[in-house]
Amino acid sequence: MFALKRSLVAMAIAAAPAITLAADKVELPNTLAMTAYGTGSAGYSQMVAIGNLLQNEYGTSVRILPGENDVSRMTPLKTNRVPLCACGIASYYGSEGVLMFAGPDWGPQPIRVITTSIASFGLGIAIAGDVDVKTPYDLKGKRVSWIRGDDALNLGTEAFLAFGDLTWDDVEKVEFPGYGRAFDGIVADQADVAFTMSVAPPAQQLAASPRGLVWPELDPGDSEGWARLQAVAPYFQPHKVTSAAGDYSKDNPWQGASYPYPILVANADSDPKLASSLIRVFTEDYDKYKDAAPGNAGYSLSQQNMQWVIPFHDAVVDYYKEIGHWTDEMQAHQDMLVERQRILMDTWKQYTGSNPPKDEDAFRSGWMEARAKALEAAGMNPVFR
């Protein structure tokens, strides 16, 4: 999920075409390029499986450009070198123009969702099994990892603390230079908590250690807890996790949290025929690819969060309307997200045109203040400050 090796090789997948039920309404190019996580990642494997389907059924060769980090994955999308990115949660940060995208070379991006995957894993804080924590409310006074230079991980941890009505001031913050080192620290009894994916190797390492591992229960009925969590990180959603390190399974799930991964995104002005064709393939050809790679089952229509944090591509909305899977509430939410993005991009244009500071830290600070004021003036939660 986090540190993945860089490999900027392109891949073409070849096989024989066939006919599908969706074929008469699918218009795809001969070659389709996208960026994705590194070659060892679940996201890359899933895109390979989708690429095989597109070649087999529609004669479209898929070129996958693996990126080392969020910026390297999203830069080709920003520059229109590729029309798609199988991204992580950084796609949301990019749409908001925050964290690694708050600098002068970035700003808010006009990103739109094609589809997402919610699989059996979860995302959250892994807790040493010997510290008697059952829910986030029990974390007060515990030693919680803080990773230098990793805003996404720290924000995830902060969100789980917020569920328990806690902040960093209520725990002992233990700084580590990296994600892996944080889990080494927990095993060595230097800390008790760190954020990760439920199936990640460091979580497995902790589960196999003498300290063991537990995942904190997030009661879906705790509306106040969830409101606090989502005020910090609105991209999280309740999730019954059946794949997790430790004593967890389909028979003993973790009632926790997750957010989509990968998130297949395009730019708002990308070819509507491409967006329409892809969502049709992902939805109508589901049975043909669902078992082709771990996590592919998460692309099912039933797993799509229709009121998430990034707007859908217009062509995707049109498709959902066509199949009767769209409501007035969904449209209102979509309209709000599109308006939010318009406000952000207008504010960015005004800010960058007002002779902002040359110093990058001062530039970021000024931008974050400007975006917060603009969103608050529209009655919207800035989330990031």
Protein backbone atom coordinates (compact mmCIF):
# COMPACT_ATOMS: atom_id res chain seq x y z
CA MET A 1 0.00 0.00 0.00
CA PHE A 2 2.75 2.43 0.84
CA ALA A 3 6.37 2.12 -0.31
CA LEU A 4 6.35 0.39 -3.69
CA LYS A 5 9.33 0.07 -6.00
CA ARG A 6 9.48 2.10 -9.16
CA SER A 7 9.26 0.41 -12.53
CA LEU A 8 8.37 2.61 -15.48
CA VAL A 9 7.92 -0.24 -17.94
CA ALA A 10 4.85 -0.42 -20.15
CA MET A 11 2.90 -3.61 -20.65
CA ALA A 12 0.74 -4.75 -23.56
CA ILE A 13 -1.57 -7.69 -22.98
CA ALA A 14 -2.51 -9.80 -26.02
CA ALA A 15 -5.25 -12.36 -26.60
CA ALA A 16 -8.11 -13.09 -29.01
CA PRO A 17 -11.28 -10.94 -29.09
CA ALA A 18 -14.73 -12.32 -28.34
CA ILE A 19 -18.28 -11.03 -28.04
CA THR A 20 -19.98 -9.88 -24.83
CA LEU A 21 -23.41 -8.61 -23.93
CA ALA A 22 -21.96 -5.11 -23.45
CA ALA A 23 -20.06 -5.15 -26.76
CA ASP A 24 -22.59 -3.22 -28.83
CA LYS A 25 -22.29 -0.15 -26.58
CA VAL A 26 -18.56 -0.30 -25.78
CA GLU A 27 -16.24 1.96 -27.79
CA LEU A 28 -12.64 1.59 -26.69
CA PRO A 29 -9.37 2.64 -28.36
CA ASN A 30 -6.94 0.08 -29.74
CA THR A 31 -4.49 0.98 -26.98
CA LEU A 32 -5.32 2.26 -23.52
CA ALA A 33 -2.69 3.57 -21.08
CA MET A 34 -2.98 4.08 -17.35
CA THR A 35 -0.84 4.53 -14.28
CA ALA A 36 -1.05 2.26 -11.25
CA TYR A 37 0.77 1.18 -8.12
CA GLY A 38 3.97 -0.89 -8.44
CA THR A 39 4.14 -4.31 -10.02
CA GLY A 40 3.84 -6.17 -6.71
CA SER A 41 0.68 -4.36 -5.65
CA ALA A 42 -2.91 -5.54 -5.59
CA GLY A 43 -3.91 -2.56 -7.71
CA TYR A 44 -1.44 -3.45 -10.46
CA SER A 45 -2.59 -7.09 -10.48
CA GLN A 46 -6.21 -6.00 -10.79
CA MET A 47 -5.44 -3.72 -13.73
CA VAL A 48 -3.59 -6.59 -15.44
CA ALA A 49 -6.73 -8.72 -15.03
CA ILE A 50 -8.92 -5.93 -16.43
CA GLY A 51 -6.42 -5.49 -19.26
CA ASN A 52 -6.74 -9.16 -20.14
CA LEU A 53 -10.52 -8.78 -20.27
CA LEU A 54 -10.33 -5.69 -22.47
CA GLN A 55 -7.96 -7.44 -24.88
CA ASN A 56 -9.89 -10.69 -24.96
CA GLU A 57 -13.34 -9.14 -25.32
CA TYR A 58 -12.72 -5.83 -27.10
CA GLY A 59 -9.28 -6.03 -28.73
CA THR A 60 -7.88 -3.20 -26.61
CA SER A 61 -4.25 -3.48 -25.49
CA VAL A 62 -3.61 -2.00 -22.04
CA ARG A 63 -0.35 -0.30 -21.14
CA ILE A 64 0.23 0.02 -17.39
CA LEU A 65 2.80 2.51 -16.08
CA PRO A 66 3.70 1.58 -12.47
CA GLY A 67 4.48 4.59 -10.28
CA GLU A 68 6.67 4.69 -7.20
CA ASN A 69 4.54 7.19 -5.30
CA ASP A 70 1.35 9.21 -5.48
CA VAL A 71 2.88 12.11 -7.38
CA SER A 72 4.50 9.86 -9.99
CA ARG A 73 1.19 8.06 -10.50
CA MET A 74 -0.85 11.23 -10.87
CA THR A 75 1.55 13.39 -12.89
CA PRO A 76 0.85 11.55 -16.19
CA LEU A 77 -2.88 12.05 -15.60
CA LYS A 78 -2.36 15.75 -14.89
CA THR A 79 -0.31 16.21 -18.06
CA ASN A 80 -2.71 14.10 -20.18
CA ARG A 81 -0.01 11.56 -20.91
CA VAL A 82 -2.51 8.91 -19.83
CA PRO A 83 -6.31 9.13 -19.50
CA LEU A 84 -6.59 6.97 -16.37
CA CYS A 85 -5.01 6.38 -12.99
CA ALA A 86 -5.68 3.36 -10.79
CA CYS A 87 -4.83 5.47 -7.77
CA GLY A 88 -5.12 5.29 -4.03
CA ILE A 89 -6.60 7.83 -1.63
CA ALA A 90 -4.17 10.41 -3.01
CA SER A 91 -6.71 10.92 -5.80
CA TYR A 92 -8.92 12.55 -3.15
CA TYR A 93 -6.04 14.66 -1.86
CA GLY A 94 -5.38 15.72 -5.45
CA SER A 95 -9.00 16.70 -6.01
CA GLU A 96 -8.81 18.82 -2.85
CA GLY A 97 -5.38 20.32 -3.57
CA VAL A 98 -3.95 19.37 -0.18
CA LEU A 99 -0.97 17.61 1.43
CA MET A 100 1.47 16.68 -1.36
CA PHE A 101 -0.74 18.52 -3.86
CA ALA A 102 -0.79 21.89 -2.05
CA GLY A 103 2.42 23.13 -3.65
CA PRO A 104 2.71 25.61 -6.53
CA ASP A 105 3.09 22.87 -9.17
CA TRP A 106 -0.21 21.20 -8.30
CA GLY A 107 -3.33 22.61 -6.69
CA PRO A 108 -6.82 21.04 -6.90
CA GLN A 109 -7.24 18.66 -9.83
CA PRO A 110 -10.46 18.12 -11.86
CA ILE A 111 -10.59 14.42 -11.02
CA ARG A 112 -13.61 12.20 -11.63
CA VAL A 113 -14.30 8.62 -10.54
CA ILE A 114 -14.91 5.87 -13.07
CA THR A 115 -15.18 3.04 -10.53
CA THR A 116 -13.67 1.83 -7.25
CA SER A 117 -12.98 -1.41 -5.46
CA ILE A 118 -13.90 -2.20 -1.88
CA ALA A 119 -12.49 -5.64 -1.15
CA SER A 120 -12.39 -7.84 1.94
CA PHE A 121 -9.51 -5.98 3.62
CA GLY A 122 -9.77 -2.93 5.83
CA LEU A 123 -7.68 0.08 6.74
CA GLY A 124 -7.10 1.28 10.26
CA ILE A 125 -4.93 1.16 13.31
CA ALA A 126 -3.28 -2.11 14.30
CA ILE A 127 -2.89 -2.34 18.07
CA ALA A 128 -0.56 -4.52 20.08
CA GLY A 129 -2.61 -7.29 21.62
CA ASP A 130 -1.27 -6.84 25.14
CA VAL A 131 -2.52 -3.30 25.85
CA ASP A 132 -6.23 -4.06 26.44
CA VAL A 133 -7.79 -1.90 23.72
CA LYS A 134 -11.14 -2.94 22.31
CA THR A 135 -12.38 0.31 20.72
CA PRO A 136 -10.82 3.69 19.87
CA TYR A 137 -12.24 5.02 23.15
CA ASP A 138 -9.65 2.88 24.96
CA LEU A 139 -6.66 4.55 23.31
CA LYS A 140 -6.24 7.36 25.83
CA GLY A 141 -2.69 7.39 27.16
CA LYS A 142 -1.45 4.73 24.71
CA ARG A 143 1.73 5.09 22.68
CA VAL A 144 0.62 5.96 19.15
CA SER A 145 2.97 6.01 16.15
CA TRP A 146 3.41 9.21 14.17
CA ILE A 147 5.28 8.80 10.85
CA ARG A 148 7.52 11.66 9.76
CA GLY A 149 6.66 12.85 6.26
CA ASP A 150 3.58 10.68 5.79
CA ASP A 151 0.49 12.87 6.06
CA ALA A 152 -1.89 10.17 4.83
CA LEU A 153 -0.96 7.64 7.51
CA ASN A 154 -1.01 10.21 10.29
CA LEU A 155 -4.39 11.53 9.15
CA GLY A 156 -5.77 8.00 9.24
CA THR A 157 -4.55 7.56 12.79
CA GLU A 158 -5.98 10.93 13.77
CA ALA A 159 -9.35 9.89 12.35
CA PHE A 160 -9.44 6.74 14.48
CA LEU A 161 -8.53 8.78 17.55
CA ALA A 162 -11.38 11.14 16.71
CA PHE A 163 -13.83 8.22 16.64
CA GLY A 164 -12.89 7.68 20.29
CA ASP A 165 -13.30 11.41 21.00
CA LEU A 166 -9.53 11.75 21.38
CA THR A 167 -6.77 13.83 19.80
CA TRP A 168 -2.99 13.56 19.64
CA ASP A 169 -2.94 15.44 22.96
CA ASP A 170 -4.68 12.49 24.64
CA VAL A 171 -2.06 9.93 23.65
CA GLU A 172 1.70 9.59 23.77
CA LYS A 173 2.92 10.43 20.28
CA VAL A 174 5.91 8.30 19.28
CA GLU A 175 7.71 9.50 16.16
CA PHE A 176 9.21 7.09 13.63
CA PRO A 177 11.10 7.81 10.39
CA GLY A 178 8.97 5.43 8.36
CA TYR A 179 6.01 3.08 8.20
CA GLY A 180 8.02 -0.13 8.56
CA ARG A 181 10.03 1.27 11.45
CA ALA A 182 6.82 2.05 13.31
CA PHE A 183 5.82 -1.61 13.32
CA ASP A 184 9.33 -2.63 14.31
CA GLY A 185 8.85 -0.22 17.21
CA ILE A 186 5.59 -1.84 18.27
CA VAL A 187 7.15 -5.30 18.20
CA ALA A 188 10.04 -3.91 20.30
CA ASP A 189 7.53 -2.43 22.81
CA GLN A 190 8.39 1.18 21.94
CA ALA A 191 4.85 1.97 20.77
CA ASP A 192 1.42 0.35 20.80
CA VAL A 193 -0.44 1.56 17.69
CA ALA A 194 0.19 2.21 13.99
CA PHE A 195 -1.95 2.72 10.89
CA THR A 196 -1.92 0.17 8.08
CA MET A 197 -3.88 -2.05 5.71
CA SER A 198 -5.33 -5.06 7.50
CA VAL A 199 -3.51 -7.58 5.31
CA ALA A 200 -0.18 -5.75 5.02
CA PRO A 201 3.03 -7.63 5.91
CA PRO A 202 3.87 -5.36 8.89
CA ALA A 203 0.47 -6.17 10.41
CA GLN A 204 1.15 -9.87 9.84
CA GLN A 205 4.55 -9.39 11.50
CA LEU A 206 2.96 -7.85 14.56
CA ALA A 207 0.29 -10.56 14.74
CA ALA A 208 3.05 -13.22 14.75
CA SER A 209 5.06 -11.45 17.47
CA PRO A 210 4.76 -12.14 21.21
CA ARG A 211 2.66 -8.97 21.58
CA GLY A 212 0.02 -10.11 19.08
CA LEU A 213 -2.45 -7.81 17.35
CA VAL A 214 -6.02 -6.56 17.66
CA TRP A 215 -8.09 -4.23 15.51
CA PRO A 216 -10.37 -1.75 17.32
CA GLU A 217 -14.10 -2.25 16.83
CA LEU A 218 -15.95 0.64 15.17
CA ASP A 219 -19.63 0.25 15.94
CA PRO A 220 -21.58 1.24 12.78
CA GLY A 221 -24.36 2.42 15.10
CA ASP A 222 -22.09 4.93 16.85
CA SER A 223 -23.20 7.85 14.72
CA GLU A 224 -21.32 10.42 16.81
CA GLY A 225 -18.09 8.44 16.61
CA TRP A 226 -18.41 8.07 12.85
CA ALA A 227 -19.25 11.76 12.45
CA ARG A 228 -16.04 12.67 14.29
CA LEU A 229 -13.97 10.21 12.25
CA GLN A 230 -15.36 11.41 8.94
CA ALA A 231 -14.90 15.06 9.90
CA VAL A 232 -11.16 14.28 9.91
CA ALA A 233 -11.09 11.79 7.01
CA PRO A 234 -14.41 11.74 5.14
CA TYR A 235 -13.25 9.04 2.74
CA PHE A 236 -13.55 6.29 5.39
CA GLN A 237 -16.70 4.18 5.53
CA PRO A 238 -17.86 1.35 7.82
CA HIS A 239 -16.72 -2.04 6.57
CA LYS A 240 -16.98 -5.61 7.79
CA VAL A 241 -13.42 -6.81 7.26
CA THR A 242 -12.94 -10.51 6.62
CA SER A 243 -9.27 -10.40 5.58
CA ALA A 244 -7.04 -9.15 8.37
CA ALA A 245 -3.89 -10.12 10.21
CA GLY A 246 -4.53 -11.87 13.51
CA ASP A 247 -7.49 -13.97 14.54
CA TYR A 248 -9.89 -12.59 11.93
CA SER A 249 -11.75 -14.29 9.09
CA LYS A 250 -15.16 -14.60 7.44
CA ASP A 251 -16.32 -16.40 10.57
CA ASN A 252 -14.74 -13.79 12.86
CA PRO A 253 -14.74 -10.46 10.99
CA TRP A 254 -13.40 -7.13 12.18
CA GLN A 255 -16.13 -4.49 12.28
CA GLY A 256 -13.87 -1.71 11.14
CA ALA A 257 -13.37 0.73 8.31
CA SER A 258 -12.05 0.99 4.81
CA TYR A 259 -11.99 3.15 1.74
CA PRO A 260 -11.70 2.17 -1.89
CA TYR A 261 -8.47 0.90 -3.41
CA PRO A 262 -7.80 1.18 -6.23
CA ILE A 263 -9.79 4.22 -7.29
CA LEU A 264 -9.95 4.37 -11.09
CA VAL A 265 -10.06 8.05 -11.99
CA ALA A 266 -9.96 10.26 -15.07
CA ASN A 267 -10.04 14.00 -15.62
CA ALA A 268 -13.41 15.72 -15.84
CA ASP A 269 -12.86 16.57 -19.52
CA SER A 270 -11.74 13.09 -20.52
CA ASP A 271 -13.48 11.31 -23.41
CA PRO A 272 -17.05 10.48 -22.33
CA LYS A 273 -17.08 7.45 -24.65
CA LEU A 274 -14.11 6.00 -22.77
CA ALA A 275 -15.68 6.62 -19.36
CA SER A 276 -19.04 5.23 -20.48
CA SER A 277 -17.46 2.15 -22.03
CA LEU A 278 -15.32 1.39 -18.99
CA ILE A 279 -18.13 1.62 -16.44
CA ARG A 280 -20.26 -0.58 -18.70
CA VAL A 281 -17.47 -3.18 -18.85
CA PHE A 282 -16.79 -3.06 -15.10
CA THR A 283 -20.49 -3.49 -14.36
CA GLU A 284 -21.81 -5.80 -17.08
CA ASP A 285 -18.73 -8.01 -17.50
CA TYR A 286 -18.23 -8.42 -13.76
CA ASP A 287 -18.61 -12.21 -13.78
CA LYS A 288 -15.83 -12.47 -16.36
CA TYR A 289 -13.14 -10.83 -14.24
CA LYS A 290 -14.29 -10.98 -10.59
CA ASP A 291 -12.08 -13.99 -9.78
CA ALA A 292 -9.14 -13.06 -12.00
CA ALA A 293 -7.19 -11.18 -9.31
CA PRO A 294 -7.46 -10.69 -5.52
CA GLY A 295 -9.76 -7.77 -4.79
CA ASN A 296 -11.56 -7.79 -8.15
CA ALA A 297 -14.82 -8.73 -6.39
CA GLY A 298 -14.77 -5.23 -4.90
CA TYR A 299 -15.79 -3.67 -8.25
CA SER A 300 -19.31 -5.09 -8.07
CA LEU A 301 -22.14 -2.60 -8.40
CA SER A 302 -23.28 -3.43 -4.86
CA GLN A 303 -19.90 -2.32 -3.49
CA GLN A 304 -19.92 1.13 -5.09
CA ASN A 305 -20.35 4.04 -2.68
CA MET A 306 -22.66 6.30 -4.64
CA GLN A 307 -22.18 9.26 -2.27
CA TRP A 308 -18.44 9.33 -1.63
CA VAL A 309 -15.90 12.20 -1.66
CA ILE A 310 -14.93 12.53 -5.35
CA PRO A 311 -17.54 13.21 -8.04
CA PHE A 312 -18.26 10.65 -10.72
CA HIS A 313 -17.47 11.32 -14.35
CA ASP A 314 -20.58 12.70 -16.11
CA ALA A 315 -20.68 9.69 -18.43
CA VAL A 316 -20.67 7.35 -15.43
CA VAL A 317 -23.63 9.22 -13.96
CA ASP A 318 -25.43 8.88 -17.29
CA TYR A 319 -24.82 5.13 -17.23
CA TYR A 320 -26.15 4.74 -13.70
CA LYS A 321 -29.23 6.68 -14.72
CA GLU A 322 -29.63 4.40 -17.74
CA ILE A 323 -29.67 1.26 -15.59
CA GLY A 324 -31.90 2.80 -12.91
CA HIS A 325 -29.18 2.96 -10.26
CA TRP A 326 -29.36 6.70 -9.54
CA THR A 327 -31.51 8.71 -7.15
CA ASP A 328 -32.25 12.36 -6.46
CA GLU A 329 -30.12 12.12 -3.31
CA MET A 330 -27.18 10.83 -5.34
CA GLN A 331 -27.61 13.65 -7.84
CA ALA A 332 -27.69 16.26 -5.05
CA HIS A 333 -24.49 14.80 -3.60
CA GLN A 334 -22.84 14.74 -7.04
CA ASP A 335 -23.82 18.36 -7.63
CA MET A 336 -22.37 19.37 -4.26
CA LEU A 337 -19.04 17.65 -5.02
CA VAL A 338 -18.82 19.27 -8.46
CA GLU A 339 -19.57 22.67 -6.91
CA ARG A 340 -16.94 22.05 -4.22
CA GLN A 341 -14.36 21.31 -6.89
CA ARG A 342 -15.37 24.44 -8.83
CA ILE A 343 -14.88 26.56 -5.70
CA LEU A 344 -11.48 25.00 -5.07
CA MET A 345 -10.26 25.53 -8.62
CA ASP A 346 -11.56 29.11 -8.76
CA THR A 347 -9.90 29.85 -5.43
CA TRP A 348 -6.64 28.33 -6.68
CA LYS A 349 -6.75 30.52 -9.79
CA GLN A 350 -7.35 33.62 -7.66
CA TYR A 351 -4.64 32.68 -5.18
CA THR A 352 -1.95 31.89 -7.73
CA GLY A 353 -2.82 35.08 -9.61
CA SER A 354 -2.40 37.27 -6.53
CA ASN A 355 1.41 37.15 -6.33
CA PRO A 356 1.61 34.47 -3.60
CA PRO A 357 4.81 33.91 -1.59
CA LYS A 358 7.76 32.38 -3.43
CA ASP A 359 8.79 30.35 -0.42
CA GLU A 360 7.07 26.95 -0.78
CA ASP A 361 6.09 26.60 2.87
CA ALA A 362 4.61 30.10 2.89
CA PHE A 363 2.86 29.39 -0.41
CA ARG A 364 1.26 26.23 1.01
CA SER A 365 0.21 28.00 4.19
CA GLY A 366 -1.41 30.83 2.25
CA TRP A 367 -3.20 28.42 -0.06
CA MET A 368 -4.55 26.31 2.77
CA GLU A 369 -5.90 29.41 4.45
CA ALA A 370 -7.48 30.64 1.22
CA ARG A 371 -9.15 27.29 0.43
CA ALA A 372 -10.51 26.97 3.98
CA LYS A 373 -12.04 30.44 3.85
CA ALA A 374 -13.62 29.80 0.45
CA LEU A 375 -15.13 26.47 1.47
CA GLU A 376 -16.41 27.80 4.79
CA ALA A 377 -18.02 30.75 2.99
CA ALA A 378 -19.94 28.18 0.94
CA GLY A 379 -20.98 26.26 4.04
CA MET A 380 -18.59 23.38 3.35
CA ASN A 381 -16.17 21.64 5.70
CA PRO A 382 -12.56 22.37 4.63
CA VAL A 383 -11.46 19.08 6.29
CA PHE A 384 -7.81 20.08 5.80
CA ARG A 385 -6.28 23.21 7.29
